[in-house]
Amino acid sequence: MDTFDALQALLSRDLHELHQIQKRGWRILPMARIVKEEHLGRCCYLAEEFLSRAELCALKKEIGLDERQWRAYKSKISGQ
């Protein structure tokens, strides 16, 4: 599995899990939501570090995130 595939699988899984948390009601599990959003933000930073610009654009398209959503997850990192 190459870096692109690994990041795609990781981000897709985390987004799915975040949607499941939100469906159950984020007020019930606020810490789980916060941790998952921070993990997504870290994955976004990793993708930017290890993927080419073309691969990064393809990744965002594959997982269904636009630039605004991508930046929003990056902003969830504690202390940043």
PDB file of N, CA and C in Angstrom:
ATOM      1  N   MET A   1       0.860  -1.173   0.000  1.00  0.00           N
ATOM      2  CA  MET A   1       0.000   0.000   0.000  1.00  0.00           C
ATOM      3  C   MET A   1       0.905   1.234   0.000  1.00  0.00           C
ATOM      4  N   ASP A   2       0.678   2.139  -0.949  1.00  0.00           N
ATOM      5  CA  ASP A   2       1.501   3.340  -0.991  1.00  0.00           C
ATOM      6  C   ASP A   2       0.915   4.432  -0.092  1.00  0.00           C
ATOM      7  N   THR A   3       1.616   5.541   0.005  1.00  0.00           N
ATOM      8  CA  THR A   3       1.227   6.625   0.908  1.00  0.00           C
ATOM      9  C   THR A   3      -0.154   7.165   0.577  1.00  0.00           C
ATOM     10  N   PHE A   4      -0.428   7.365  -0.719  1.00  0.00           N
ATOM     11  CA  PHE A   4      -1.729   7.880  -1.136  1.00  0.00           C
ATOM     12  C   PHE A   4      -2.845   6.959  -0.660  1.00  0.00           C
ATOM     13  N   ASP A   5      -2.702   5.674  -0.927  1.00  0.00           N
ATOM     14  CA  ASP A   5      -3.737   4.709  -0.543  1.00  0.00           C
ATOM     15  C   ASP A   5      -3.911   4.630   0.972  1.00  0.00           C
ATOM     16  N   ALA A   6      -2.795   4.682   1.689  1.00  0.00           N
ATOM     17  CA  ALA A   6      -2.866   4.618   3.152  1.00  0.00           C
ATOM     18  C   ALA A   6      -3.597   5.835   3.712  1.00  0.00           C
ATOM     19  N   LEU A   7      -3.259   7.016   3.209  1.00  0.00           N
ATOM     20  CA  LEU A   7      -3.922   8.233   3.687  1.00  0.00           C
ATOM     21  C   LEU A   7      -5.396   8.255   3.288  1.00  0.00           C
ATOM     22  N   GLN A   8      -5.692   7.791   2.077  1.00  0.00           N
ATOM     23  CA  GLN A   8      -7.082   7.744   1.636  1.00  0.00           C
ATOM     24  C   GLN A   8      -7.898   6.817   2.535  1.00  0.00           C
ATOM     25  N   ALA A   9      -7.367   5.658   2.842  1.00  0.00           N
ATOM     26  CA  ALA A   9      -8.079   4.712   3.705  1.00  0.00           C
ATOM     27  C   ALA A   9      -8.273   5.288   5.101  1.00  0.00           C
ATOM     28  N   LEU A  10      -7.241   5.902   5.629  1.00  0.00           N
ATOM     29  CA  LEU A  10      -7.297   6.479   6.968  1.00  0.00           C
ATOM     30  C   LEU A  10      -8.308   7.618   7.043  1.00  0.00           C
ATOM     31  N   LEU A  11      -8.237   8.539   6.095  1.00  0.00           N
ATOM     32  CA  LEU A  11      -9.167   9.671   6.091  1.00  0.00           C
ATOM     33  C   LEU A  11     -10.603   9.213   5.858  1.00  0.00           C
ATOM     34  N   SER A  12     -10.795   8.280   4.953  1.00  0.00           N
ATOM     35  CA  SER A  12     -12.147   7.775   4.684  1.00  0.00           C
ATOM     36  C   SER A  12     -12.744   7.117   5.919  1.00  0.00           C
ATOM     37  N   ARG A  13     -11.944   6.299   6.597  1.00  0.00           N
ATOM     38  CA  ARG A  13     -12.420   5.636   7.811  1.00  0.00           C
ATOM     39  C   ARG A  13     -12.759   6.652   8.898  1.00  0.00           C
ATOM     40  N   ASP A  14     -11.878   7.621   9.092  1.00  0.00           N
ATOM     41  CA  ASP A  14     -12.120   8.632  10.122  1.00  0.00           C
ATOM     42  C   ASP A  14     -13.344   9.483   9.807  1.00  0.00           C
ATOM     43  N   LEU A  15     -13.525   9.852   8.548  1.00  0.00           N
ATOM     44  CA  LEU A  15     -14.711  10.632   8.174  1.00  0.00           C
ATOM     45  C   LEU A  15     -15.985   9.826   8.412  1.00  0.00           C
ATOM     46  N   HIS A  16     -15.940   8.539   8.077  1.00  0.00           N
ATOM     47  CA  HIS A  16     -17.100   7.674   8.311  1.00  0.00           C
ATOM     48  C   HIS A  16     -17.413   7.591   9.806  1.00  0.00           C
ATOM     49  N   GLU A  17     -16.382   7.388  10.614  1.00  0.00           N
ATOM     50  CA  GLU A  17     -16.584   7.301  12.062  1.00  0.00           C
ATOM     51  C   GLU A  17     -17.105   8.619  12.629  1.00  0.00           C
ATOM     52  N   LEU A  18     -16.613   9.743  12.114  1.00  0.00           N
ATOM     53  CA  LEU A  18     -17.093  11.045  12.571  1.00  0.00           C
ATOM     54  C   LEU A  18     -18.567  11.223  12.223  1.00  0.00           C
ATOM     55  N   HIS A  19     -18.962  10.805  11.029  1.00  0.00           N
ATOM     56  CA  HIS A  19     -20.381  10.887  10.648  1.00  0.00           C
ATOM     57  C   HIS A  19     -21.239  10.013  11.553  1.00  0.00           C
ATOM     58  N   GLN A  20     -20.732   8.857  11.946  1.00  0.00           N
ATOM     59  CA  GLN A  20     -21.477   7.987  12.860  1.00  0.00           C
ATOM     60  C   GLN A  20     -21.642   8.651  14.223  1.00  0.00           C
ATOM     61  N   ILE A  21     -20.595   9.297  14.705  1.00  0.00           N
ATOM     62  CA  ILE A  21     -20.676  10.022  15.979  1.00  0.00           C
ATOM     63  C   ILE A  21     -21.709  11.133  15.877  1.00  0.00           C
ATOM     64  N   GLN A  22     -21.688  11.871  14.773  1.00  0.00           N
ATOM     65  CA  GLN A  22     -22.623  12.981  14.593  1.00  0.00           C
ATOM     66  C   GLN A  22     -24.058  12.485  14.476  1.00  0.00           C
ATOM     67  N   LYS A  23     -24.262  11.324  13.855  1.00  0.00           N
ATOM     68  CA  LYS A  23     -25.614  10.765  13.743  1.00  0.00           C
ATOM     69  C   LYS A  23     -26.173  10.381  15.106  1.00  0.00           C
ATOM     70  N   ARG A  24     -25.306   9.904  15.984  1.00  0.00           N
ATOM     71  CA  ARG A  24     -25.738   9.526  17.332  1.00  0.00           C
ATOM     72  C   ARG A  24     -25.972  10.741  18.207  1.00  0.00           C
ATOM     73  N   GLY A  25     -25.514  11.870  17.764  1.00  0.00           N
ATOM     74  CA  GLY A  25     -25.669  13.092  18.539  1.00  0.00           C
ATOM     75  C   GLY A  25     -24.358  13.468  19.191  1.00  0.00           C
ATOM     76  N   TRP A  26     -23.722  14.502  18.675  1.00  0.00           N
ATOM     77  CA  TRP A  26     -22.393  14.861  19.167  1.00  0.00           C
ATOM     78  C   TRP A  26     -22.399  15.292  20.621  1.00  0.00           C
ATOM     79  N   ARG A  27     -23.545  15.685  21.147  1.00  0.00           N
ATOM     80  CA  ARG A  27     -23.591  16.088  22.558  1.00  0.00           C
ATOM     81  C   ARG A  27     -23.358  14.896  23.488  1.00  0.00           C
ATOM     82  N   ILE A  28     -23.678  13.708  22.996  1.00  0.00           N
ATOM     83  CA  ILE A  28     -23.495  12.499  23.800  1.00  0.00           C
ATOM     84  C   ILE A  28     -22.010  12.158  23.925  1.00  0.00           C
ATOM     85  N   LEU A  29     -21.279  12.304  22.853  1.00  0.00           N
ATOM     86  CA  LEU A  29     -19.865  11.929  22.835  1.00  0.00           C
ATOM     87  C   LEU A  29     -18.992  13.094  22.355  1.00  0.00           C
ATOM     88  N   PRO A  30     -19.011  14.226  23.055  1.00  0.00           N
ATOM     89  CA  PRO A  30     -18.254  15.379  22.544  1.00  0.00           C
ATOM     90  C   PRO A  30     -16.751  15.126  22.474  1.00  0.00           C
ATOM     91  N   MET A  31     -16.191  14.404  23.426  1.00  0.00           N
ATOM     92  CA  MET A  31     -14.750  14.166  23.401  1.00  0.00           C
ATOM     93  C   MET A  31     -14.372  13.261  22.234  1.00  0.00           C
ATOM     94  N   ALA A  32     -15.204  12.281  21.927  1.00  0.00           N
ATOM     95  CA  ALA A  32     -14.931  11.399  20.786  1.00  0.00           C
ATOM     96  C   ALA A  32     -14.911  12.204  19.492  1.00  0.00           C
ATOM     97  N   ARG A  33     -15.833  13.140  19.366  1.00  0.00           N
ATOM     98  CA  ARG A  33     -15.887  13.996  18.170  1.00  0.00           C
ATOM     99  C   ARG A  33     -14.641  14.861  18.084  1.00  0.00           C
ATOM    100  N   ILE A  34     -14.253  15.464  19.188  1.00  0.00           N
ATOM    101  CA  ILE A  34     -13.085  16.347  19.209  1.00  0.00           C
ATOM    102  C   ILE A  34     -11.819  15.575  18.836  1.00  0.00           C
ATOM    103  N   VAL A  35     -11.655  14.402  19.422  1.00  0.00           N
ATOM    104  CA  VAL A  35     -10.476  13.580  19.134  1.00  0.00           C
ATOM    105  C   VAL A  35     -10.456  13.175  17.663  1.00  0.00           C
ATOM    106  N   LYS A  36     -11.596  12.788  17.133  1.00  0.00           N
ATOM    107  CA  LYS A  36     -11.663  12.359  15.732  1.00  0.00           C
ATOM    108  C   LYS A  36     -11.359  13.531  14.794  1.00  0.00           C
ATOM    109  N   GLU A  37     -11.889  14.722  15.093  1.00  0.00           N
ATOM    110  CA  GLU A  37     -11.617  15.894  14.257  1.00  0.00           C
ATOM    111  C   GLU A  37     -10.141  16.275  14.306  1.00  0.00           C
ATOM    112  N   GLU A  38      -9.521  16.178  15.480  1.00  0.00           N
ATOM    113  CA  GLU A  38      -8.090  16.474  15.588  1.00  0.00           C
ATOM    114  C   GLU A  38      -7.267  15.458  14.797  1.00  0.00           C
ATOM    115  N   HIS A  39      -7.671  14.201  14.843  1.00  0.00           N
ATOM    116  CA  HIS A  39      -6.951  13.175  14.085  1.00  0.00           C
ATOM    117  C   HIS A  39      -7.069  13.440  12.588  1.00  0.00           C
ATOM    118  N   LEU A  40      -8.247  13.840  12.144  1.00  0.00           N
ATOM    119  CA  LEU A  40      -8.422  14.193  10.739  1.00  0.00           C
ATOM    120  C   LEU A  40      -7.508  15.357  10.363  1.00  0.00           C
ATOM    121  N   GLY A  41      -7.407  16.342  11.240  1.00  0.00           N
ATOM    122  CA  GLY A  41      -6.523  17.476  10.983  1.00  0.00           C
ATOM    123  C   GLY A  41      -5.070  17.050  10.847  1.00  0.00           C
ATOM    124  N   ARG A  42      -4.627  16.145  11.709  1.00  0.00           N
ATOM    125  CA  ARG A  42      -3.251  15.637  11.623  1.00  0.00           C
ATOM    126  C   ARG A  42      -3.029  14.886  10.307  1.00  0.00           C
ATOM    127  N   CYS A  43      -4.021  14.127   9.905  1.00  0.00           N
ATOM    128  CA  CYS A  43      -3.925  13.397   8.632  1.00  0.00           C
ATOM    129  C   CYS A  43      -3.843  14.364   7.454  1.00  0.00           C
ATOM    130  N   CYS A  44      -4.565  15.465   7.538  1.00  0.00           N
ATOM    131  CA  CYS A  44      -4.502  16.483   6.483  1.00  0.00           C
ATOM    132  C   CYS A  44      -3.089  17.052   6.382  1.00  0.00           C
ATOM    133  N   TYR A  45      -2.491  17.354   7.532  1.00  0.00           N
ATOM    134  CA  TYR A  45      -1.115  17.857   7.525  1.00  0.00           C
ATOM    135  C   TYR A  45      -0.150  16.821   6.957  1.00  0.00           C
ATOM    136  N   LEU A  46      -0.320  15.559   7.325  1.00  0.00           N
ATOM    137  CA  LEU A  46       0.541  14.502   6.788  1.00  0.00           C
ATOM    138  C   LEU A  46       0.403  14.392   5.278  1.00  0.00           C
ATOM    139  N   ALA A  47      -0.823  14.467   4.798  1.00  0.00           N
ATOM    140  CA  ALA A  47      -1.059  14.382   3.357  1.00  0.00           C
ATOM    141  C   ALA A  47      -0.346  15.521   2.637  1.00  0.00           C
ATOM    142  N   GLU A  48      -0.421  16.721   3.188  1.00  0.00           N
ATOM    143  CA  GLU A  48       0.244  17.860   2.562  1.00  0.00           C
ATOM    144  C   GLU A  48       1.761  17.695   2.567  1.00  0.00           C
ATOM    145  N   GLU A  49       2.282  17.026   3.571  1.00  0.00           N
ATOM    146  CA  GLU A  49       3.724  16.835   3.672  1.00  0.00           C
ATOM    147  C   GLU A  49       4.236  15.766   2.711  1.00  0.00           C
ATOM    148  N   PHE A  50       3.482  14.698   2.532  1.00  0.00           N
ATOM    149  CA  PHE A  50       3.994  13.545   1.799  1.00  0.00           C
ATOM    150  C   PHE A  50       3.465  13.379   0.377  1.00  0.00           C
ATOM    151  N   LEU A  51       2.408  14.077   0.006  1.00  0.00           N
ATOM    152  CA  LEU A  51       1.840  13.912  -1.331  1.00  0.00           C
ATOM    153  C   LEU A  51       2.183  15.096  -2.225  1.00  0.00           C
ATOM    154  N   SER A  52       2.252  14.826  -3.509  1.00  0.00           N
ATOM    155  CA  SER A  52       2.430  15.916  -4.473  1.00  0.00           C
ATOM    156  C   SER A  52       1.133  16.716  -4.543  1.00  0.00           C
ATOM    157  N   ARG A  53       1.203  17.878  -5.154  1.00  0.00           N
ATOM    158  CA  ARG A  53       0.009  18.722  -5.292  1.00  0.00           C
ATOM    159  C   ARG A  53      -1.101  17.982  -6.044  1.00  0.00           C
ATOM    160  N   ALA A  54      -0.729  17.273  -7.101  1.00  0.00           N
ATOM    161  CA  ALA A  54      -1.720  16.529  -7.887  1.00  0.00           C
ATOM    162  C   ALA A  54      -2.347  15.406  -7.058  1.00  0.00           C
ATOM    163  N   GLU A  55      -1.514  14.692  -6.302  1.00  0.00           N
ATOM    164  CA  GLU A  55      -2.036  13.621  -5.447  1.00  0.00           C
ATOM    165  C   GLU A  55      -2.939  14.183  -4.356  1.00  0.00           C
ATOM    166  N   LEU A  56      -2.564  15.328  -3.807  1.00  0.00           N
ATOM    167  CA  LEU A  56      -3.362  15.957  -2.764  1.00  0.00           C
ATOM    168  C   LEU A  56      -4.740  16.352  -3.296  1.00  0.00           C
ATOM    169  N   CYS A  57      -4.776  16.935  -4.479  1.00  0.00           N
ATOM    170  CA  CYS A  57      -6.061  17.292  -5.101  1.00  0.00           C
ATOM    171  C   CYS A  57      -6.905  16.045  -5.353  1.00  0.00           C
ATOM    172  N   ALA A  58      -6.261  14.989  -5.833  1.00  0.00           N
ATOM    173  CA  ALA A  58      -6.980  13.735  -6.087  1.00  0.00           C
ATOM    174  C   ALA A  58      -7.517  13.145  -4.789  1.00  0.00           C
ATOM    175  N   LEU A  59      -6.724  13.215  -3.726  1.00  0.00           N
ATOM    176  CA  LEU A  59      -7.153  12.689  -2.432  1.00  0.00           C
ATOM    177  C   LEU A  59      -8.378  13.441  -1.924  1.00  0.00           C
ATOM    178  N   LYS A  60      -8.330  14.757  -1.972  1.00  0.00           N
ATOM    179  CA  LYS A  60      -9.466  15.565  -1.508  1.00  0.00           C
ATOM    180  C   LYS A  60     -10.728  15.210  -2.288  1.00  0.00           C
ATOM    181  N   LYS A  61     -10.574  15.032  -3.593  1.00  0.00           N
ATOM    182  CA  LYS A  61     -11.722  14.682  -4.433  1.00  0.00           C
ATOM    183  C   LYS A  61     -12.254  13.295  -4.071  1.00  0.00           C
ATOM    184  N   GLU A  62     -11.354  12.334  -3.886  1.00  0.00           N
ATOM    185  CA  GLU A  62     -11.750  10.958  -3.562  1.00  0.00           C
ATOM    186  C   GLU A  62     -12.516  10.859  -2.246  1.00  0.00           C
ATOM    187  N   ILE A  63     -12.073  11.619  -1.241  1.00  0.00           N
ATOM    188  CA  ILE A  63     -12.730  11.525   0.064  1.00  0.00           C
ATOM    189  C   ILE A  63     -13.876  12.521   0.211  1.00  0.00           C
ATOM    190  N   GLY A  64     -14.040  13.406  -0.773  1.00  0.00           N
ATOM    191  CA  GLY A  64     -15.189  14.307  -0.781  1.00  0.00           C
ATOM    192  C   GLY A  64     -15.057  15.544   0.089  1.00  0.00           C
ATOM    193  N   LEU A  65     -13.837  16.043   0.257  1.00  0.00           N
ATOM    194  CA  LEU A  65     -13.644  17.264   1.033  1.00  0.00           C
ATOM    195  C   LEU A  65     -13.251  18.410   0.111  1.00  0.00           C
ATOM    196  N   ASP A  66     -13.903  19.553   0.298  1.00  0.00           N
ATOM    197  CA  ASP A  66     -13.479  20.737  -0.437  1.00  0.00           C
ATOM    198  C   ASP A  66     -12.409  21.465   0.379  1.00  0.00           C
ATOM    199  N   GLU A  67     -11.867  22.525  -0.179  1.00  0.00           N
ATOM    200  CA  GLU A  67     -10.769  23.239   0.479  1.00  0.00           C
ATOM    201  C   GLU A  67     -11.184  23.820   1.826  1.00  0.00           C
ATOM    202  N   ARG A  68     -12.409  24.304   1.932  1.00  0.00           N
ATOM    203  CA  ARG A  68     -12.901  24.877   3.187  1.00  0.00           C
ATOM    204  C   ARG A  68     -12.956  23.810   4.279  1.00  0.00           C
ATOM    205  N   GLN A  69     -13.486  22.643   3.949  1.00  0.00           N
ATOM    206  CA  GLN A  69     -13.564  21.550   4.920  1.00  0.00           C
ATOM    207  C   GLN A  69     -12.168  21.071   5.319  1.00  0.00           C
ATOM    208  N   TRP A  70     -11.283  20.985   4.338  1.00  0.00           N
ATOM    209  CA  TRP A  70      -9.910  20.554   4.593  1.00  0.00           C
ATOM    210  C   TRP A  70      -9.245  21.484   5.610  1.00  0.00           C
ATOM    211  N   ARG A  71      -9.353  22.798   5.372  1.00  0.00           N
ATOM    212  CA  ARG A  71      -8.764  23.780   6.294  1.00  0.00           C
ATOM    213  C   ARG A  71      -9.428  23.723   7.664  1.00  0.00           C
ATOM    214  N   ALA A  72     -10.732  23.460   7.689  1.00  0.00           N
ATOM    215  CA  ALA A  72     -11.450  23.386   8.970  1.00  0.00           C
ATOM    216  C   ALA A  72     -10.901  22.246   9.829  1.00  0.00           C
ATOM    217  N   TYR A  73     -10.644  21.095   9.226  1.00  0.00           N
ATOM    218  CA  TYR A  73     -10.081  19.985   9.997  1.00  0.00           C
ATOM    219  C   TYR A  73      -8.663  20.310  10.462  1.00  0.00           C
ATOM    220  N   LYS A  74      -7.883  20.963   9.610  1.00  0.00           N
ATOM    221  CA  LYS A  74      -6.532  21.350  10.020  1.00  0.00           C
ATOM    222  C   LYS A  74      -6.570  22.314  11.200  1.00  0.00           C
ATOM    223  N   SER A  75      -7.588  23.145  11.258  1.00  0.00           N
ATOM    224  CA  SER A  75      -7.683  24.134  12.340  1.00  0.00           C
ATOM    225  C   SER A  75      -8.075  23.499  13.673  1.00  0.00           C
ATOM    226  N   LYS A  76      -8.486  22.249  13.665  1.00  0.00           N
ATOM    227  CA  LYS A  76      -8.913  21.564  14.889  1.00  0.00           C
ATOM    228  C   LYS A  76      -7.748  21.075  15.748  1.00  0.00           C
ATOM    229  N   ILE A  77      -6.543  21.138  15.207  1.00  0.00           N
ATOM    230  CA  ILE A  77      -5.381  20.688  15.970  1.00  0.00           C
ATOM    231  C   ILE A  77      -5.214  21.599  17.183  1.00  0.00           C
ATOM    232  N   SER A  78      -5.125  21.014  18.354  1.00  0.00           N
ATOM    233  CA  SER A  78      -5.007  21.780  19.600  1.00  0.00           C
ATOM    234  C   SER A  78      -3.787  22.684  19.561  1.00  0.00           C
ATOM    235  N   GLY A  79      -4.000  23.917  19.973  1.00  0.00           N
ATOM    236  CA  GLY A  79      -2.902  24.861  20.067  1.00  0.00           C
ATOM    237  C   GLY A  79      -2.498  25.493  18.757  1.00  0.00           C
ATOM    238  N   GLN A  80      -3.282  25.296  17.690  1.00  0.00           N
ATOM    239  CA  GLN A  80      -2.922  25.901  16.411  1.00  0.00           C
ATOM    240  C   GLN A  80      -4.024  26.784  15.920  1.00  0.00           C
TER     241      GLN A  80
END
